[in-house]
PDB file of N, CA and C in Angstrom:
ATOM      1  N   UNK A   1      -9.389 -20.128  -7.908  1.00  0.00           N
ATOM      2  CA  UNK A   1      -8.578 -19.105  -8.517  1.00  0.00           C
ATOM      3  C   UNK A   1      -7.552 -19.763  -9.429  1.00  0.00           C
ATOM      4  N   UNK A   2      -7.335 -19.226 -10.608  1.00  0.00           N
ATOM      5  CA  UNK A   2      -6.452 -19.799 -11.603  1.00  0.00           C
ATOM      6  C   UNK A   2      -5.258 -18.891 -11.817  1.00  0.00           C
ATOM      7  N   UNK A   3      -4.056 -19.450 -11.836  1.00  0.00           N
ATOM      8  CA  UNK A   3      -2.837 -18.704 -12.068  1.00  0.00           C
ATOM      9  C   UNK A   3      -2.227 -19.199 -13.365  1.00  0.00           C
ATOM     10  N   UNK A   4      -1.486 -18.348 -14.052  1.00  0.00           N
ATOM     11  CA  UNK A   4      -0.862 -18.795 -15.283  1.00  0.00           C
ATOM     12  C   UNK A   4       0.461 -18.104 -15.535  1.00  0.00           C
ATOM     13  N   UNK A   5       1.262 -18.731 -16.376  1.00  0.00           N
ATOM     14  CA  UNK A   5       2.501 -18.160 -16.855  1.00  0.00           C
ATOM     15  C   UNK A   5       3.406 -17.603 -15.781  1.00  0.00           C
ATOM     16  N   UNK A   6       4.119 -16.544 -16.116  1.00  0.00           N
ATOM     17  CA  UNK A   6       5.060 -15.945 -15.173  1.00  0.00           C
ATOM     18  C   UNK A   6       4.360 -15.344 -13.974  1.00  0.00           C
ATOM     19  N   UNK A   7       3.137 -14.889 -14.146  1.00  0.00           N
ATOM     20  CA  UNK A   7       2.374 -14.333 -13.030  1.00  0.00           C
ATOM     21  C   UNK A   7       2.282 -15.337 -11.893  1.00  0.00           C
ATOM     22  N   UNK A   8       2.144 -16.610 -12.249  1.00  0.00           N
ATOM     23  CA  UNK A   8       2.031 -17.657 -11.231  1.00  0.00           C
ATOM     24  C   UNK A   8       3.264 -17.715 -10.348  1.00  0.00           C
ATOM     25  N   UNK A   9       4.405 -17.390 -10.903  1.00  0.00           N
ATOM     26  CA  UNK A   9       5.631 -17.460 -10.119  1.00  0.00           C
ATOM     27  C   UNK A   9       5.563 -16.555  -8.895  1.00  0.00           C
ATOM     28  N   UNK A  10       5.067 -15.363  -9.088  1.00  0.00           N
ATOM     29  CA  UNK A  10       5.000 -14.419  -7.982  1.00  0.00           C
ATOM     30  C   UNK A  10       3.880 -14.772  -7.014  1.00  0.00           C
ATOM     31  N   UNK A  11       2.732 -15.145  -7.531  1.00  0.00           N
ATOM     32  CA  UNK A  11       1.596 -15.491  -6.687  1.00  0.00           C
ATOM     33  C   UNK A  11       1.890 -16.748  -5.885  1.00  0.00           C
ATOM     34  N   UNK A  12       2.438 -17.771  -6.526  1.00  0.00           N
ATOM     35  CA  UNK A  12       2.734 -19.008  -5.834  1.00  0.00           C
ATOM     36  C   UNK A  12       3.811 -18.807  -4.769  1.00  0.00           C
ATOM     37  N   UNK A  13       4.773 -17.949  -5.036  1.00  0.00           N
ATOM     38  CA  UNK A  13       5.815 -17.700  -4.054  1.00  0.00           C
ATOM     39  C   UNK A  13       5.210 -17.185  -2.760  1.00  0.00           C
ATOM     40  N   UNK A  14       4.308 -16.249  -2.858  1.00  0.00           N
ATOM     41  CA  UNK A  14       3.699 -15.673  -1.664  1.00  0.00           C
ATOM     42  C   UNK A  14       2.612 -16.565  -1.081  1.00  0.00           C
ATOM     43  N   UNK A  15       1.822 -17.178  -1.926  1.00  0.00           N
ATOM     44  CA  UNK A  15       0.645 -17.903  -1.447  1.00  0.00           C
ATOM     45  C   UNK A  15       0.941 -19.327  -0.996  1.00  0.00           C
ATOM     46  N   UNK A  16       1.871 -20.002  -1.644  1.00  0.00           N
ATOM     47  CA  UNK A  16       2.006 -21.427  -1.394  1.00  0.00           C
ATOM     48  C   UNK A  16       3.397 -21.898  -0.992  1.00  0.00           C
ATOM     49  N   UNK A  17       4.416 -21.121  -1.237  1.00  0.00           N
ATOM     50  CA  UNK A  17       5.747 -21.673  -1.069  1.00  0.00           C
ATOM     51  C   UNK A  17       6.490 -21.103   0.119  1.00  0.00           C
ATOM     52  N   UNK A  18       7.424 -21.893   0.599  1.00  0.00           N
ATOM     53  CA  UNK A  18       8.299 -21.425   1.663  1.00  0.00           C
ATOM     54  C   UNK A  18       9.602 -20.897   1.078  1.00  0.00           C
ATOM     55  N   UNK A  19       9.883 -21.239  -0.177  1.00  0.00           N
ATOM     56  CA  UNK A  19      11.056 -20.729  -0.873  1.00  0.00           C
ATOM     57  C   UNK A  19      10.618 -20.222  -2.232  1.00  0.00           C
ATOM     58  N   UNK A  20      11.373 -19.287  -2.810  1.00  0.00           N
ATOM     59  CA  UNK A  20      10.985 -18.740  -4.113  1.00  0.00           C
ATOM     60  C   UNK A  20      10.930 -19.810  -5.197  1.00  0.00           C
ATOM     61  N   UNK A  21      10.067 -19.575  -6.152  1.00  0.00           N
ATOM     62  CA  UNK A  21       9.926 -20.455  -7.307  1.00  0.00           C
ATOM     63  C   UNK A  21      10.868 -19.949  -8.379  1.00  0.00           C
ATOM     64  N   UNK A  22      11.474 -20.847  -9.091  1.00  0.00           N
ATOM     65  CA  UNK A  22      12.359 -20.425 -10.168  1.00  0.00           C
ATOM     66  C   UNK A  22      11.880 -21.011 -11.485  1.00  0.00           C
ATOM     67  N   UNK A  23      12.080 -20.256 -12.562  1.00  0.00           N
ATOM     68  CA  UNK A  23      11.835 -20.802 -13.897  1.00  0.00           C
ATOM     69  C   UNK A  23      13.182 -21.198 -14.449  1.00  0.00           C
ATOM     70  N   UNK A  24      13.188 -22.172 -15.278  1.00  0.00           N
ATOM     71  CA  UNK A  24      14.434 -22.650 -15.856  1.00  0.00           C
ATOM     72  C   UNK A  24      14.247 -22.862 -17.349  1.00  0.00           C
ATOM     73  N   UNK A  25      15.250 -22.489 -18.092  1.00  0.00           N
ATOM     74  CA  UNK A  25      15.242 -22.802 -19.514  1.00  0.00           C
ATOM     75  C   UNK A  25      15.709 -24.231 -19.734  1.00  0.00           C
ATOM     76  N   UNK A  26      16.478 -24.750 -18.805  1.00  0.00           N
ATOM     77  CA  UNK A  26      16.873 -26.152 -18.862  1.00  0.00           C
ATOM     78  C   UNK A  26      16.456 -26.813 -17.556  1.00  0.00           C
ATOM     79  N   UNK A  27      16.132 -28.084 -17.581  1.00  0.00           N
ATOM     80  CA  UNK A  27      15.626 -28.756 -16.386  1.00  0.00           C
ATOM     81  C   UNK A  27      16.719 -29.019 -15.352  1.00  0.00           C
ATOM     82  N   UNK A  28      16.291 -29.285 -14.116  1.00  0.00           N
ATOM     83  CA  UNK A  28      17.231 -29.630 -13.061  1.00  0.00           C
ATOM     84  C   UNK A  28      17.856 -30.975 -13.363  1.00  0.00           C
ATOM     85  N   UNK A  29      18.959 -31.307 -12.690  1.00  0.00           N
ATOM     86  CA  UNK A  29      19.663 -32.559 -12.955  1.00  0.00           C
ATOM     87  C   UNK A  29      18.767 -33.772 -12.750  1.00  0.00           C
ATOM     88  N   UNK A  30      17.937 -33.751 -11.715  1.00  0.00           N
ATOM     89  CA  UNK A  30      17.085 -34.902 -11.414  1.00  0.00           C
ATOM     90  C   UNK A  30      16.032 -35.135 -12.488  1.00  0.00           C
ATOM     91  N   UNK A  31      15.623 -34.064 -13.141  1.00  0.00           N
ATOM     92  CA  UNK A  31      14.589 -34.190 -14.165  1.00  0.00           C
ATOM     93  C   UNK A  31      15.185 -34.172 -15.566  1.00  0.00           C
ATOM     94  N   UNK A  32      16.515 -34.120 -15.683  1.00  0.00           N
ATOM     95  CA  UNK A  32      17.147 -33.846 -16.960  1.00  0.00           C
ATOM     96  C   UNK A  32      16.797 -34.836 -18.063  1.00  0.00           C
ATOM     97  N   UNK A  33      16.810 -36.116 -17.789  1.00  0.00           N
ATOM     98  CA  UNK A  33      16.584 -37.062 -18.874  1.00  0.00           C
ATOM     99  C   UNK A  33      15.183 -36.947 -19.454  1.00  0.00           C
ATOM    100  N   UNK A  34      14.170 -36.827 -18.602  1.00  0.00           N
ATOM    101  CA  UNK A  34      12.789 -36.747 -19.088  1.00  0.00           C
ATOM    102  C   UNK A  34      12.481 -35.393 -19.704  1.00  0.00           C
ATOM    103  N   UNK A  35      12.784 -34.321 -18.983  1.00  0.00           N
ATOM    104  CA  UNK A  35      12.407 -33.001 -19.466  1.00  0.00           C
ATOM    105  C   UNK A  35      13.324 -32.479 -20.562  1.00  0.00           C
ATOM    106  N   UNK A  36      14.606 -32.802 -20.507  1.00  0.00           N
ATOM    107  CA  UNK A  36      15.522 -32.312 -21.533  1.00  0.00           C
ATOM    108  C   UNK A  36      15.140 -32.869 -22.891  1.00  0.00           C
ATOM    109  N   UNK A  37      14.834 -34.158 -22.957  1.00  0.00           N
ATOM    110  CA  UNK A  37      14.459 -34.732 -24.240  1.00  0.00           C
ATOM    111  C   UNK A  37      13.136 -34.159 -24.717  1.00  0.00           C
ATOM    112  N   UNK A  38      12.211 -33.911 -23.796  1.00  0.00           N
ATOM    113  CA  UNK A  38      10.931 -33.320 -24.177  1.00  0.00           C
ATOM    114  C   UNK A  38      11.125 -31.898 -24.672  1.00  0.00           C
ATOM    115  N   UNK A  39      11.979 -31.127 -23.994  1.00  0.00           N
ATOM    116  CA  UNK A  39      12.229 -29.747 -24.402  1.00  0.00           C
ATOM    117  C   UNK A  39      12.912 -29.705 -25.756  1.00  0.00           C
ATOM    118  N   UNK A  40      13.874 -30.578 -25.976  1.00  0.00           N
ATOM    119  CA  UNK A  40      14.585 -30.606 -27.240  1.00  0.00           C
ATOM    120  C   UNK A  40      13.688 -31.025 -28.392  1.00  0.00           C
ATOM    121  N   UNK A  41      12.623 -31.762 -28.114  1.00  0.00           N
ATOM    122  CA  UNK A  41      11.754 -32.239 -29.181  1.00  0.00           C
ATOM    123  C   UNK A  41      10.775 -31.181 -29.676  1.00  0.00           C
ATOM    124  N   UNK A  42      10.745 -30.020 -29.024  1.00  0.00           N
ATOM    125  CA  UNK A  42       9.830 -28.957 -29.441  1.00  0.00           C
ATOM    126  C   UNK A  42      10.211 -28.426 -30.810  1.00  0.00           C
ATOM    127  N   UNK A  43       9.209 -28.204 -31.639  1.00  0.00           N
ATOM    128  CA  UNK A  43       9.382 -27.564 -32.929  1.00  0.00           C
ATOM    129  C   UNK A  43       9.902 -26.150 -32.684  1.00  0.00           C
ATOM    130  N   UNK A  44      10.616 -25.576 -33.646  1.00  0.00           N
ATOM    131  CA  UNK A  44      11.221 -24.255 -33.455  1.00  0.00           C
ATOM    132  C   UNK A  44      10.186 -23.159 -33.217  1.00  0.00           C
ATOM    133  N   UNK A  45       8.953 -23.306 -33.692  1.00  0.00           N
ATOM    134  CA  UNK A  45       7.903 -22.317 -33.458  1.00  0.00           C
ATOM    135  C   UNK A  45       7.286 -22.481 -32.073  1.00  0.00           C
ATOM    136  N   UNK A  46       7.315 -23.670 -31.560  1.00  0.00           N
ATOM    137  CA  UNK A  46       6.681 -23.939 -30.277  1.00  0.00           C
ATOM    138  C   UNK A  46       7.476 -23.322 -29.138  1.00  0.00           C
ATOM    139  N   UNK A  47       6.755 -22.983 -28.075  1.00  0.00           N
ATOM    140  CA  UNK A  47       7.376 -22.433 -26.883  1.00  0.00           C
ATOM    141  C   UNK A  47       7.193 -23.447 -25.765  1.00  0.00           C
ATOM    142  N   UNK A  48       8.310 -23.870 -25.181  1.00  0.00           N
ATOM    143  CA  UNK A  48       8.285 -24.848 -24.100  1.00  0.00           C
ATOM    144  C   UNK A  48       8.742 -24.159 -22.819  1.00  0.00           C
ATOM    145  N   UNK A  49       7.979 -24.327 -21.762  1.00  0.00           N
ATOM    146  CA  UNK A  49       8.319 -23.738 -20.471  1.00  0.00           C
ATOM    147  C   UNK A  49       8.428 -24.840 -19.429  1.00  0.00           C
ATOM    148  N   UNK A  50       9.423 -24.720 -18.560  1.00  0.00           N
ATOM    149  CA  UNK A  50       9.553 -25.612 -17.416  1.00  0.00           C
ATOM    150  C   UNK A  50       9.578 -24.715 -16.185  1.00  0.00           C
ATOM    151  N   UNK A  51       8.630 -24.935 -15.297  1.00  0.00           N
ATOM    152  CA  UNK A  51       8.529 -24.144 -14.069  1.00  0.00           C
ATOM    153  C   UNK A  51       8.718 -25.095 -12.894  1.00  0.00           C
ATOM    154  N   UNK A  52       9.502 -24.673 -11.916  1.00  0.00           N
ATOM    155  CA  UNK A  52       9.734 -25.465 -10.720  1.00  0.00           C
ATOM    156  C   UNK A  52       9.133 -24.726  -9.534  1.00  0.00           C
ATOM    157  N   UNK A  53       8.395 -25.441  -8.689  1.00  0.00           N
ATOM    158  CA  UNK A  53       7.772 -24.834  -7.515  1.00  0.00           C
ATOM    159  C   UNK A  53       7.921 -25.752  -6.314  1.00  0.00           C
ATOM    160  N   UNK A  54       8.265 -25.167  -5.175  1.00  0.00           N
ATOM    161  CA  UNK A  54       8.272 -25.930  -3.929  1.00  0.00           C
ATOM    162  C   UNK A  54       7.165 -25.351  -3.060  1.00  0.00           C
ATOM    163  N   UNK A  55       6.223 -26.201  -2.693  1.00  0.00           N
ATOM    164  CA  UNK A  55       4.999 -25.782  -2.021  1.00  0.00           C
ATOM    165  C   UNK A  55       5.137 -25.959  -0.512  1.00  0.00           C
ATOM    166  N   UNK A  56       4.647 -24.980   0.224  1.00  0.00           N
ATOM    167  CA  UNK A  56       4.603 -25.060   1.675  1.00  0.00           C
ATOM    168  C   UNK A  56       3.659 -26.204   2.051  1.00  0.00           C
ATOM    169  N   UNK A  57       4.105 -27.171   2.840  1.00  0.00           N
ATOM    170  CA  UNK A  57       3.252 -28.324   3.180  1.00  0.00           C
ATOM    171  C   UNK A  57       1.915 -27.923   3.813  1.00  0.00           C
ATOM    172  N   UNK A  58       1.884 -26.819   4.535  1.00  0.00           N
ATOM    173  CA  UNK A  58       0.644 -26.351   5.160  1.00  0.00           C
ATOM    174  C   UNK A  58      -0.394 -25.907   4.134  1.00  0.00           C
ATOM    175  N   UNK A  59       0.032 -25.628   2.907  1.00  0.00           N
ATOM    176  CA  UNK A  59      -0.868 -25.143   1.861  1.00  0.00           C
ATOM    177  C   UNK A  59      -1.066 -26.170   0.750  1.00  0.00           C
ATOM    178  N   UNK A  60      -0.609 -27.410   0.974  1.00  0.00           N
ATOM    179  CA  UNK A  60      -0.609 -28.419  -0.083  1.00  0.00           C
ATOM    180  C   UNK A  60      -2.008 -28.706  -0.630  1.00  0.00           C
ATOM    181  N   UNK A  61      -2.981 -28.903   0.229  1.00  0.00           N
ATOM    182  CA  UNK A  61      -4.335 -29.216  -0.239  1.00  0.00           C
ATOM    183  C   UNK A  61      -4.883 -28.093  -1.117  1.00  0.00           C
ATOM    184  N   UNK A  62      -4.700 -26.878  -0.681  1.00  0.00           N
ATOM    185  CA  UNK A  62      -5.150 -25.715  -1.451  1.00  0.00           C
ATOM    186  C   UNK A  62      -4.412 -25.626  -2.785  1.00  0.00           C
ATOM    187  N   UNK A  63      -3.103 -25.867  -2.755  1.00  0.00           N
ATOM    188  CA  UNK A  63      -2.307 -25.835  -3.974  1.00  0.00           C
ATOM    189  C   UNK A  63      -2.768 -26.899  -4.968  1.00  0.00           C
ATOM    190  N   UNK A  64      -2.967 -28.123  -4.494  1.00  0.00           N
ATOM    191  CA  UNK A  64      -3.379 -29.216  -5.383  1.00  0.00           C
ATOM    192  C   UNK A  64      -4.716 -28.916  -6.054  1.00  0.00           C
ATOM    193  N   UNK A  65      -5.646 -28.341  -5.307  1.00  0.00           N
ATOM    194  CA  UNK A  65      -6.934 -27.956  -5.880  1.00  0.00           C
ATOM    195  C   UNK A  65      -6.732 -26.883  -6.952  1.00  0.00           C
ATOM    196  N   UNK A  66      -5.919 -25.876  -6.635  1.00  0.00           N
ATOM    197  CA  UNK A  66      -5.677 -24.783  -7.577  1.00  0.00           C
ATOM    198  C   UNK A  66      -4.970 -25.277  -8.837  1.00  0.00           C
ATOM    199  N   UNK A  67      -3.926 -26.091  -8.687  1.00  0.00           N
ATOM    200  CA  UNK A  67      -3.145 -26.491  -9.859  1.00  0.00           C
ATOM    201  C   UNK A  67      -3.928 -27.460 -10.746  1.00  0.00           C
ATOM    202  N   UNK A  68      -4.816 -28.254 -10.154  1.00  0.00           N
ATOM    203  CA  UNK A  68      -5.656 -29.129 -10.966  1.00  0.00           C
ATOM    204  C   UNK A  68      -6.576 -28.288 -11.855  1.00  0.00           C
ATOM    205  N   UNK A  69      -7.208 -27.286 -11.277  1.00  0.00           N
ATOM    206  CA  UNK A  69      -8.084 -26.406 -12.063  1.00  0.00           C
ATOM    207  C   UNK A  69      -7.284 -25.641 -13.111  1.00  0.00           C
ATOM    208  N   UNK A  70      -6.091 -25.186 -12.725  1.00  0.00           N
ATOM    209  CA  UNK A  70      -5.230 -24.455 -13.649  1.00  0.00           C
ATOM    210  C   UNK A  70      -4.858 -25.329 -14.836  1.00  0.00           C
ATOM    211  N   UNK A  71      -4.456 -26.563 -14.578  1.00  0.00           N
ATOM    212  CA  UNK A  71      -4.042 -27.461 -15.649  1.00  0.00           C
ATOM    213  C   UNK A  71      -5.201 -27.787 -16.590  1.00  0.00           C
ATOM    214  N   UNK A  72      -6.362 -28.081 -16.022  1.00  0.00           N
ATOM    215  CA  UNK A  72      -7.540 -28.392 -16.851  1.00  0.00           C
ATOM    216  C   UNK A  72      -7.899 -27.207 -17.732  1.00  0.00           C
ATOM    217  N   UNK A  73      -7.935 -26.024 -17.150  1.00  0.00           N
ATOM    218  CA  UNK A  73      -8.245 -24.821 -17.925  1.00  0.00           C
ATOM    219  C   UNK A  73      -7.202 -24.529 -18.985  1.00  0.00           C
ATOM    220  N   UNK A  74      -5.939 -24.673 -18.628  1.00  0.00           N
ATOM    221  CA  UNK A  74      -4.858 -24.389 -19.569  1.00  0.00           C
ATOM    222  C   UNK A  74      -4.902 -25.326 -20.763  1.00  0.00           C
ATOM    223  N   UNK A  75      -5.192 -26.592 -20.530  1.00  0.00           N
ATOM    224  CA  UNK A  75      -5.240 -27.569 -21.621  1.00  0.00           C
ATOM    225  C   UNK A  75      -6.350 -27.278 -22.617  1.00  0.00           C
ATOM    226  N   UNK A  76      -7.364 -26.544 -22.203  1.00  0.00           N
ATOM    227  CA  UNK A  76      -8.483 -26.189 -23.097  1.00  0.00           C
ATOM    228  C   UNK A  76      -8.209 -24.930 -23.909  1.00  0.00           C
ATOM    229  N   UNK A  77      -7.164 -24.192 -23.564  1.00  0.00           N
ATOM    230  CA  UNK A  77      -6.854 -22.946 -24.259  1.00  0.00           C
ATOM    231  C   UNK A  77      -6.396 -23.218 -25.684  1.00  0.00           C
ATOM    232  N   UNK A  78      -6.801 -22.346 -26.620  1.00  0.00           N
ATOM    233  CA  UNK A  78      -6.289 -22.501 -27.984  1.00  0.00           C
ATOM    234  C   UNK A  78      -4.778 -22.260 -27.969  1.00  0.00           C
ATOM    235  N   UNK A  79      -4.056 -23.122 -28.610  1.00  0.00           N
ATOM    236  CA  UNK A  79      -2.603 -22.949 -28.675  1.00  0.00           C
ATOM    237  C   UNK A  79      -1.828 -23.686 -27.603  1.00  0.00           C
ATOM    238  N   UNK A  80      -2.504 -24.254 -26.622  1.00  0.00           N
ATOM    239  CA  UNK A  80      -1.820 -25.046 -25.599  1.00  0.00           C
ATOM    240  C   UNK A  80      -1.737 -26.485 -26.092  1.00  0.00           C
ATOM    241  N   UNK A  81      -0.528 -26.956 -26.285  1.00  0.00           N
ATOM    242  CA  UNK A  81      -0.316 -28.330 -26.748  1.00  0.00           C
ATOM    243  C   UNK A  81      -0.132 -29.298 -25.599  1.00  0.00           C
ATOM    244  N   UNK A  82       0.371 -28.778 -24.464  1.00  0.00           N
ATOM    245  CA  UNK A  82       0.654 -29.658 -23.327  1.00  0.00           C
ATOM    246  C   UNK A  82       0.780 -28.829 -22.061  1.00  0.00           C
ATOM    247  N   UNK A  83       0.223 -29.349 -20.981  1.00  0.00           N
ATOM    248  CA  UNK A  83       0.371 -28.723 -19.666  1.00  0.00           C
ATOM    249  C   UNK A  83       0.428 -29.868 -18.655  1.00  0.00           C
ATOM    250  N   UNK A  84       1.637 -30.225 -18.259  1.00  0.00           N
ATOM    251  CA  UNK A  84       1.835 -31.341 -17.341  1.00  0.00           C
ATOM    252  C   UNK A  84       2.239 -30.819 -15.966  1.00  0.00           C
ATOM    253  N   UNK A  85       1.715 -31.458 -14.941  1.00  0.00           N
ATOM    254  CA  UNK A  85       2.097 -31.183 -13.563  1.00  0.00           C
ATOM    255  C   UNK A  85       2.788 -32.438 -13.058  1.00  0.00           C
ATOM    256  N   UNK A  86       4.047 -32.298 -12.662  1.00  0.00           N
ATOM    257  CA  UNK A  86       4.856 -33.441 -12.258  1.00  0.00           C
ATOM    258  C   UNK A  86       5.297 -33.229 -10.812  1.00  0.00           C
ATOM    259  N   UNK A  87       5.047 -34.224  -9.984  1.00  0.00           N
ATOM    260  CA  UNK A  87       5.460 -34.151  -8.577  1.00  0.00           C
ATOM    261  C   UNK A  87       6.766 -34.916  -8.411  1.00  0.00           C
ATOM    262  N   UNK A  88       7.722 -34.321  -7.741  1.00  0.00           N
ATOM    263  CA  UNK A  88       9.015 -34.947  -7.517  1.00  0.00           C
ATOM    264  C   UNK A  88       8.874 -36.178  -6.630  1.00  0.00           C
ATOM    265  N   UNK A  89       9.582 -37.240  -6.985  1.00  0.00           N
ATOM    266  CA  UNK A  89       9.607 -38.431  -6.144  1.00  0.00           C
ATOM    267  C   UNK A  89      10.476 -38.201  -4.909  1.00  0.00           C
ATOM    268  N   UNK A  90      11.514 -37.396  -5.065  1.00  0.00           N
ATOM    269  CA  UNK A  90      12.463 -37.141  -3.977  1.00  0.00           C
ATOM    270  C   UNK A  90      11.939 -36.168  -2.936  1.00  0.00           C
ATOM    271  N   UNK A  91      11.082 -35.247  -3.368  1.00  0.00           N
ATOM    272  CA  UNK A  91      10.570 -34.217  -2.469  1.00  0.00           C
ATOM    273  C   UNK A  91       9.084 -34.012  -2.783  1.00  0.00           C
ATOM    274  N   UNK A  92       8.180 -34.516  -1.962  1.00  0.00           N
ATOM    275  CA  UNK A  92       6.747 -34.431  -2.264  1.00  0.00           C
ATOM    276  C   UNK A  92       6.202 -32.999  -2.268  1.00  0.00           C
ATOM    277  N   UNK A  93       7.005 -32.041  -1.847  1.00  0.00           N
ATOM    278  CA  UNK A  93       6.581 -30.635  -1.868  1.00  0.00           C
ATOM    279  C   UNK A  93       7.047 -29.910  -3.127  1.00  0.00           C
ATOM    280  N   UNK A  94       7.802 -30.594  -3.983  1.00  0.00           N
ATOM    281  CA  UNK A  94       8.335 -29.971  -5.195  1.00  0.00           C
ATOM    282  C   UNK A  94       7.559 -30.443  -6.419  1.00  0.00           C
ATOM    283  N   UNK A  95       7.224 -29.490  -7.272  1.00  0.00           N
ATOM    284  CA  UNK A  95       6.474 -29.753  -8.496  1.00  0.00           C
ATOM    285  C   UNK A  95       7.178 -29.102  -9.674  1.00  0.00           C
ATOM    286  N   UNK A  96       6.983 -29.707 -10.835  1.00  0.00           N
ATOM    287  CA  UNK A  96       7.463 -29.151 -12.088  1.00  0.00           C
ATOM    288  C   UNK A  96       6.256 -29.036 -13.012  1.00  0.00           C
ATOM    289  N   UNK A  97       6.168 -27.929 -13.719  1.00  0.00           N
ATOM    290  CA  UNK A  97       5.113 -27.740 -14.717  1.00  0.00           C
ATOM    291  C   UNK A  97       5.815 -27.694 -16.065  1.00  0.00           C
ATOM    292  N   UNK A  98       5.398 -28.562 -16.958  1.00  0.00           N
ATOM    293  CA  UNK A  98       5.946 -28.603 -18.308  1.00  0.00           C
ATOM    294  C   UNK A  98       4.831 -28.160 -19.247  1.00  0.00           C
ATOM    295  N   UNK A  99       5.055 -27.014 -19.895  1.00  0.00           N
ATOM    296  CA  UNK A  99       4.030 -26.397 -20.735  1.00  0.00           C
ATOM    297  C   UNK A  99       4.561 -26.230 -22.149  1.00  0.00           C
ATOM    298  N   UNK A 100       3.728 -26.548 -23.135  1.00  0.00           N
ATOM    299  CA  UNK A 100       4.100 -26.370 -24.533  1.00  0.00           C
ATOM    300  C   UNK A 100       2.962 -25.629 -25.235  1.00  0.00           C
ATOM    301  N   UNK A 101       3.338 -24.577 -25.956  1.00  0.00           N
ATOM    302  CA  UNK A 101       2.381 -23.745 -26.693  1.00  0.00           C
ATOM    303  C   UNK A 101       2.809 -23.666 -28.147  1.00  0.00           C
ATOM    304  N   UNK A 102       1.850 -23.447 -29.039  1.00  0.00           N
ATOM    305  CA  UNK A 102       2.155 -23.426 -30.474  1.00  0.00           C
ATOM    306  C   UNK A 102       3.075 -22.271 -30.848  1.00  0.00           C
ATOM    307  N   UNK A 103       2.986 -21.161 -30.124  1.00  0.00           N
ATOM    308  CA  UNK A 103       3.826 -20.007 -30.414  1.00  0.00           C
ATOM    309  C   UNK A 103       3.742 -18.996 -29.265  1.00  0.00           C
ATOM    310  N   UNK A 104       4.447 -17.898 -29.422  1.00  0.00           N
ATOM    311  CA  UNK A 104       4.470 -16.884 -28.358  1.00  0.00           C
ATOM    312  C   UNK A 104       3.106 -16.221 -28.167  1.00  0.00           C
ATOM    313  N   UNK A 105       2.304 -16.153 -29.219  1.00  0.00           N
ATOM    314  CA  UNK A 105       0.955 -15.579 -29.084  1.00  0.00           C
ATOM    315  C   UNK A 105       0.101 -16.447 -28.153  1.00  0.00           C
ATOM    316  N   UNK A 106       0.262 -17.754 -28.232  1.00  0.00           N
ATOM    317  CA  UNK A 106      -0.484 -18.660 -27.347  1.00  0.00           C
ATOM    318  C   UNK A 106      -0.030 -18.500 -25.896  1.00  0.00           C
ATOM    319  N   UNK A 107       1.269 -18.260 -25.688  1.00  0.00           N
ATOM    320  CA  UNK A 107       1.778 -18.004 -24.334  1.00  0.00           C
ATOM    321  C   UNK A 107       1.184 -16.704 -23.805  1.00  0.00           C
ATOM    322  N   UNK A 108       1.160 -15.685 -24.646  1.00  0.00           N
ATOM    323  CA  UNK A 108       0.588 -14.394 -24.245  1.00  0.00           C
ATOM    324  C   UNK A 108      -0.891 -14.554 -23.874  1.00  0.00           C
ATOM    325  N   UNK A 109      -1.634 -15.310 -24.674  1.00  0.00           N
ATOM    326  CA  UNK A 109      -3.037 -15.565 -24.376  1.00  0.00           C
ATOM    327  C   UNK A 109      -3.166 -16.270 -23.023  1.00  0.00           C
ATOM    328  N   UNK A 110      -2.337 -17.273 -22.794  1.00  0.00           N
ATOM    329  CA  UNK A 110      -2.358 -18.029 -21.537  1.00  0.00           C
ATOM    330  C   UNK A 110      -2.140 -17.101 -20.337  1.00  0.00           C
ATOM    331  N   UNK A 111      -1.209 -16.187 -20.464  1.00  0.00           N
ATOM    332  CA  UNK A 111      -0.900 -15.270 -19.370  1.00  0.00           C
ATOM    333  C   UNK A 111      -2.035 -14.296 -19.076  1.00  0.00           C
ATOM    334  N   UNK A 112      -2.883 -14.051 -20.067  1.00  0.00           N
ATOM    335  CA  UNK A 112      -4.009 -13.122 -19.885  1.00  0.00           C
ATOM    336  C   UNK A 112      -5.211 -13.757 -19.205  1.00  0.00           C
ATOM    337  N   UNK A 113      -5.205 -15.081 -19.082  1.00  0.00           N
ATOM    338  CA  UNK A 113      -6.371 -15.768 -18.504  1.00  0.00           C
ATOM    339  C   UNK A 113      -6.451 -15.528 -17.000  1.00  0.00           C
ATOM    340  N   UNK A 114      -7.698 -15.499 -16.471  1.00  0.00           N
ATOM    341  CA  UNK A 114      -7.866 -15.250 -15.029  1.00  0.00           C
ATOM    342  C   UNK A 114      -7.340 -16.388 -14.174  1.00  0.00           C
TER     343      UNK A 114
END
């Protein structure tokens, strides 16, 4: 099963996480140097998203399988420039998704995918 965009926030919260997932327009302090510079480097037309998720350890294997398929599929979408899955060094249950799309139409297309 593949999740995308904001829809993933709600599905992942119920299916995989013990705490709610939050989206951020700016990265957390621990990720600030890497993600802030990447976010700032986006062209004005491009849309950059940073999603933070904390996964329930009991569902980790299922989550890893799902997010790998999601990332591979997302990278093949027209308009997707980047889809990175980053695992926190401090907390092995926390992940960050860094997504870059050519424009809002590409984000809309991404959200429509199964």
